[in-house]
Amino acid sequence: MKKINKILLLFIAISAPLFTGCTTDIEPIDPAVIGENPGENPGENPGTPSGDYWPMAVNNTWIFKNNGVTEPPMKIISSEQIAGKTYYKYSNFVGTSTVQGAAFTGNIWTRKENNTYFIRQEVTIPAQNGNPAINVLPTEVQILKDNLAVNETWTHNFTQTMMFGSIPIDSPVEIVGKVLEKDAQITVNGQSFSQVLKVEVTQNTQGVSQSNVYWFAKNIGLIKFGNELGSTSTDYEIVSYNLN
């Protein structure tokens, strides 16, 4: 039970603000096998971006390196109506797909409403090692507000529900976001980006606090993401992108 409690606590701590993967396959892939036109920067035909900090359209694709290792493409594969709102679903999302060695699967969507950007996720840790399956019911998190000034903050409180077998476990979550930089210019993997918005998002749950830092380039989307969790550090940097 101690191990399960640790898994639950750590999963709560990373699942909302940290981008979590949609597959259990986290092996790096060779960009050459991704397929034709996996995304160039800006590419031969990058398309017309939507004019915001996270362009959302089907087939938009971003490719990242995590600590120098190329990850599978983060790609929008469909748009869906959920509760009357338009969401964009991803085939892969930057992040991790294991917690304390327990693999998980899930679905990730994003949407934008006015100046607020949301991530919606649902996750399953299959039954393993004598433990029942753990299901995280759909959770939506405010990941960015692009109309705030430097040092301004936003707060988002909600309850995250996990099904531990047939037993529901509710955990109150507080998200605190802060704008660290705006209209910045940075270089990532030798590429120069302007109009960059840098934010820190901190999640507080059951006495556990976890902070993540994101860099969003206007009309391009996420270009850099980093955090530290215990002895593990995450450093995602954009390699290429292709927008429709």
Protein backbone atom coordinates (compact mmCIF):
# COMPACT_ATOMS: atom_id res chain seq x y z
CA MET A 1 0.00 0.00 0.00
CA LYS A 2 2.91 2.37 0.68
CA LYS A 3 4.07 1.94 -2.91
CA ILE A 4 0.59 2.65 -4.27
CA ASN A 5 0.27 5.75 -2.08
CA LYS A 6 3.60 6.96 -3.42
CA ILE A 7 2.49 6.32 -7.00
CA LEU A 8 -0.77 8.15 -6.42
CA LEU A 9 0.89 11.13 -4.77
CA LEU A 10 3.56 11.48 -7.44
CA PHE A 11 1.05 11.00 -10.21
CA ILE A 12 -1.16 13.72 -8.77
CA ALA A 13 1.89 15.93 -8.48
CA ILE A 14 2.93 15.63 -12.12
CA SER A 15 -0.21 14.78 -14.05
CA ALA A 16 -1.83 18.20 -14.23
CA PRO A 17 0.79 20.85 -14.99
CA LEU A 18 3.35 18.54 -16.53
CA PHE A 19 2.66 17.46 -20.07
CA THR A 20 2.03 13.73 -19.84
CA GLY A 21 2.49 11.30 -22.71
CA CYS A 22 -0.38 9.62 -24.50
CA THR A 23 1.43 6.36 -25.13
CA THR A 24 3.54 3.95 -23.13
CA ASP A 25 6.22 3.94 -25.82
CA ILE A 26 8.86 6.43 -24.78
CA GLU A 27 11.72 5.09 -26.86
CA PRO A 28 13.36 7.85 -28.97
CA ILE A 29 12.84 7.54 -32.71
CA ASP A 30 14.96 8.47 -35.66
CA PRO A 31 13.45 11.54 -37.38
CA ALA A 32 14.09 9.80 -40.70
CA VAL A 33 11.37 7.23 -39.97
CA ILE A 34 8.70 9.73 -38.92
CA GLY A 35 7.47 10.07 -42.49
CA GLU A 36 7.54 12.70 -45.17
CA ASN A 37 7.51 16.35 -44.13
CA PRO A 38 7.52 15.72 -40.35
CA GLY A 39 7.97 19.45 -39.75
CA GLU A 40 10.59 21.96 -40.75
CA ASN A 41 11.38 25.24 -39.10
CA PRO A 42 9.73 27.06 -40.71
CA GLY A 43 9.52 24.28 -43.32
CA GLU A 44 8.79 24.49 -47.01
CA ASN A 45 5.11 25.01 -46.33
CA PRO A 46 4.58 25.84 -42.65
CA GLY A 47 1.10 27.27 -43.32
CA THR A 48 -0.55 30.28 -41.76
CA PRO A 49 -0.49 30.25 -37.95
CA SER A 50 -3.53 31.25 -35.93
CA GLY A 51 -2.06 34.37 -34.36
CA ASP A 52 -1.78 33.16 -30.77
CA TYR A 53 0.64 31.38 -28.43
CA TRP A 54 -0.65 27.89 -29.19
CA PRO A 55 -1.92 27.44 -32.76
CA MET A 56 -4.49 24.66 -32.74
CA ALA A 57 -5.41 22.98 -36.01
CA VAL A 58 -5.56 19.36 -37.15
CA ASN A 59 -2.14 18.10 -38.35
CA ASN A 60 -0.18 20.81 -36.56
CA THR A 61 3.04 19.09 -35.53
CA TRP A 62 5.90 19.93 -33.17
CA ILE A 63 9.03 17.84 -32.66
CA PHE A 64 11.10 18.16 -29.47
CA LYS A 65 14.26 16.84 -27.92
CA ASN A 66 14.15 15.81 -24.27
CA ASN A 67 17.59 16.19 -22.73
CA GLY A 68 19.03 15.91 -26.23
CA VAL A 69 17.01 12.86 -27.33
CA THR A 70 14.46 13.28 -30.14
CA GLU A 71 10.90 12.46 -29.05
CA PRO A 72 7.98 11.23 -31.19
CA PRO A 73 6.14 14.15 -32.84
CA MET A 74 3.51 16.01 -30.84
CA LYS A 75 0.70 16.12 -33.39
CA ILE A 76 -2.94 17.24 -33.37
CA ILE A 77 -4.91 14.38 -34.91
CA SER A 78 -8.53 15.55 -34.56
CA SER A 79 -10.92 18.15 -33.22
CA GLU A 80 -13.82 17.17 -31.01
CA GLN A 81 -16.83 18.78 -29.36
CA ILE A 82 -16.95 18.16 -25.62
CA ALA A 83 -19.67 19.89 -23.59
CA GLY A 84 -20.19 22.34 -26.41
CA LYS A 85 -16.54 23.39 -26.64
CA THR A 86 -13.97 22.60 -29.33
CA TYR A 87 -10.99 20.52 -28.22
CA TYR A 88 -7.94 19.36 -30.16
CA LYS A 89 -6.68 15.84 -29.53
CA TYR A 90 -3.02 14.78 -29.72
CA SER A 91 -1.39 11.55 -30.84
CA ASN A 92 1.54 12.24 -28.55
CA PHE A 93 2.28 14.83 -25.93
CA VAL A 94 5.60 15.89 -24.45
CA GLY A 95 6.28 14.37 -21.06
CA THR A 96 6.64 10.96 -19.48
CA SER A 97 4.55 7.81 -19.61
CA THR A 98 5.74 6.13 -16.43
CA VAL A 99 5.34 7.00 -12.76
CA GLN A 100 7.59 5.11 -10.34
CA GLY A 101 7.98 2.46 -13.04
CA ALA A 102 4.22 2.09 -13.60
CA ALA A 103 3.33 2.59 -17.26
CA PHE A 104 0.17 4.49 -18.15
CA THR A 105 -1.91 5.44 -21.18
CA GLY A 106 -4.24 8.33 -21.74
CA ASN A 107 -5.74 11.01 -23.93
CA ILE A 108 -4.74 14.66 -24.11
CA TRP A 109 -6.66 17.57 -25.58
CA THR A 110 -6.15 21.34 -25.62
CA ARG A 111 -8.45 24.27 -26.21
CA LYS A 112 -8.38 28.05 -26.02
CA GLU A 113 -11.11 30.31 -24.68
CA ASN A 114 -10.51 34.05 -24.95
CA ASN A 115 -6.99 34.49 -23.52
CA THR A 116 -6.89 31.24 -21.52
CA TYR A 117 -5.38 27.95 -22.71
CA PHE A 118 -6.49 24.61 -21.27
CA ILE A 119 -5.14 21.06 -21.20
CA ARG A 120 -7.68 18.27 -20.72
CA GLN A 121 -6.45 14.79 -19.86
CA GLU A 122 -7.67 11.37 -18.80
CA VAL A 123 -5.23 8.66 -17.78
CA THR A 124 -5.18 4.96 -16.95
CA ILE A 125 -2.47 3.06 -15.09
CA PRO A 126 -3.21 -0.59 -15.95
CA ALA A 127 -3.39 -3.22 -13.22
CA GLN A 128 0.12 -4.47 -12.55
CA ASN A 129 2.34 -5.86 -9.81
CA GLY A 130 -0.72 -7.06 -7.90
CA ASN A 131 -2.28 -3.60 -7.84
CA PRO A 132 -5.65 -2.71 -9.39
CA ALA A 133 -5.96 -0.31 -12.32
CA ILE A 134 -5.90 3.39 -11.52
CA ASN A 135 -8.05 5.71 -13.64
CA VAL A 136 -7.73 9.48 -13.54
CA LEU A 137 -11.08 10.93 -14.56
CA PRO A 138 -11.02 13.79 -17.09
CA THR A 139 -9.25 16.81 -15.64
CA GLU A 140 -8.88 20.25 -17.19
CA VAL A 141 -6.07 22.63 -16.24
CA GLN A 142 -5.44 26.27 -17.10
CA ILE A 143 -1.90 26.17 -18.49
CA LEU A 144 -1.55 29.74 -19.82
CA LYS A 145 -3.12 33.20 -19.82
CA ASP A 146 -1.61 35.33 -22.56
CA ASN A 147 -3.13 38.69 -21.58
CA LEU A 148 -1.30 39.10 -18.26
CA ALA A 149 1.68 41.38 -17.67
CA VAL A 150 5.05 40.28 -16.32
CA ASN A 151 4.79 39.17 -12.64
CA GLU A 152 1.00 38.91 -12.81
CA THR A 153 -0.48 35.59 -11.67
CA TRP A 154 -3.55 33.42 -12.06
CA THR A 155 -5.01 30.71 -9.82
CA HIS A 156 -7.04 27.65 -10.75
CA ASN A 157 -8.56 25.35 -8.10
CA PHE A 158 -10.24 22.04 -8.86
CA THR A 159 -10.67 18.49 -7.58
CA GLN A 160 -8.90 15.63 -9.31
CA THR A 161 -10.66 12.25 -9.01
CA MET A 162 -8.84 8.95 -9.30
CA MET A 163 -10.49 5.55 -9.34
CA PHE A 164 -8.28 3.16 -7.37
CA GLY A 165 -9.97 0.02 -8.63
CA SER A 166 -13.60 0.79 -7.76
CA ILE A 167 -12.70 3.25 -4.97
CA PRO A 168 -12.78 6.98 -5.85
CA ILE A 169 -10.05 9.18 -4.38
CA ASP A 170 -10.58 12.96 -4.55
CA SER A 171 -7.66 15.34 -4.23
CA PRO A 172 -7.93 19.14 -4.13
CA VAL A 173 -5.50 20.81 -6.53
CA GLU A 174 -4.35 24.42 -6.69
CA ILE A 175 -2.64 25.71 -9.81
CA VAL A 176 -0.75 29.02 -9.57
CA GLY A 177 0.62 30.46 -12.79
CA LYS A 178 2.95 33.44 -13.13
CA VAL A 179 4.18 35.35 -16.16
CA LEU A 180 7.98 35.56 -15.92
CA GLU A 181 8.78 37.21 -19.27
CA LYS A 182 6.83 38.63 -22.18
CA ASP A 183 7.88 39.63 -25.70
CA ALA A 184 11.25 38.03 -25.01
CA GLN A 185 13.69 36.78 -27.62
CA ILE A 186 15.44 33.46 -27.02
CA THR A 187 17.49 30.93 -28.96
CA VAL A 188 16.55 27.24 -28.82
CA ASN A 189 18.60 24.63 -30.69
CA GLY A 190 20.22 27.39 -32.74
CA GLN A 191 16.84 28.87 -33.74
CA SER A 192 15.89 32.41 -32.78
CA PHE A 193 12.35 33.07 -31.52
CA SER A 194 10.80 36.45 -30.75
CA GLN A 195 7.58 37.43 -28.96
CA VAL A 196 8.16 34.65 -26.43
CA LEU A 197 5.98 34.32 -23.34
CA LYS A 198 7.63 32.55 -20.39
CA VAL A 199 5.45 31.27 -17.55
CA GLU A 200 5.89 29.25 -14.39
CA VAL A 201 3.05 26.94 -13.37
CA THR A 202 3.08 25.51 -9.84
CA GLN A 203 0.74 22.78 -8.63
CA ASN A 204 0.02 22.23 -4.95
CA THR A 205 -1.60 18.93 -3.95
CA GLN A 206 -1.66 17.17 -0.58
CA GLY A 207 1.40 19.07 0.59
CA VAL A 208 3.33 18.31 -2.61
CA SER A 209 4.44 21.29 -4.69
CA GLN A 210 5.72 20.96 -8.26
CA SER A 211 6.78 23.81 -10.56
CA ASN A 212 7.16 23.75 -14.33
CA VAL A 213 8.43 26.45 -16.67
CA TYR A 214 7.11 26.89 -20.23
CA TRP A 215 8.22 29.09 -23.12
CA PHE A 216 5.57 29.83 -25.79
CA ALA A 217 6.43 31.66 -29.03
CA LYS A 218 3.65 33.68 -30.60
CA ASN A 219 2.19 32.00 -33.70
CA ILE A 220 4.31 28.87 -33.07
CA GLY A 221 3.36 27.40 -29.69
CA LEU A 222 5.44 25.61 -27.09
CA ILE A 223 9.17 25.84 -27.84
CA LYS A 224 10.71 24.90 -24.50
CA PHE A 225 9.65 23.23 -21.25
CA GLY A 226 11.54 22.24 -18.13
CA ASN A 227 11.22 21.03 -14.56
CA GLU A 228 12.88 19.00 -11.85
CA LEU A 229 11.17 16.23 -9.88
CA GLY A 230 13.42 14.69 -7.27
CA SER A 231 16.59 13.58 -9.01
CA THR A 232 14.97 13.66 -12.46
CA SER A 233 15.15 16.73 -14.68
CA THR A 234 13.19 17.41 -17.85
CA ASP A 235 14.42 19.74 -20.58
CA TYR A 236 12.29 19.79 -23.73
CA GLU A 237 13.42 21.98 -26.64
CA ILE A 238 11.80 22.47 -30.03
CA VAL A 239 13.54 20.90 -33.05
CA SER A 240 11.02 21.68 -35.78
CA TYR A 241 7.35 22.41 -36.36
CA ASN A 242 4.76 22.38 -39.15
CA LEU A 243 1.57 24.43 -38.81
CA ASN A 244 -1.60 24.43 -40.88
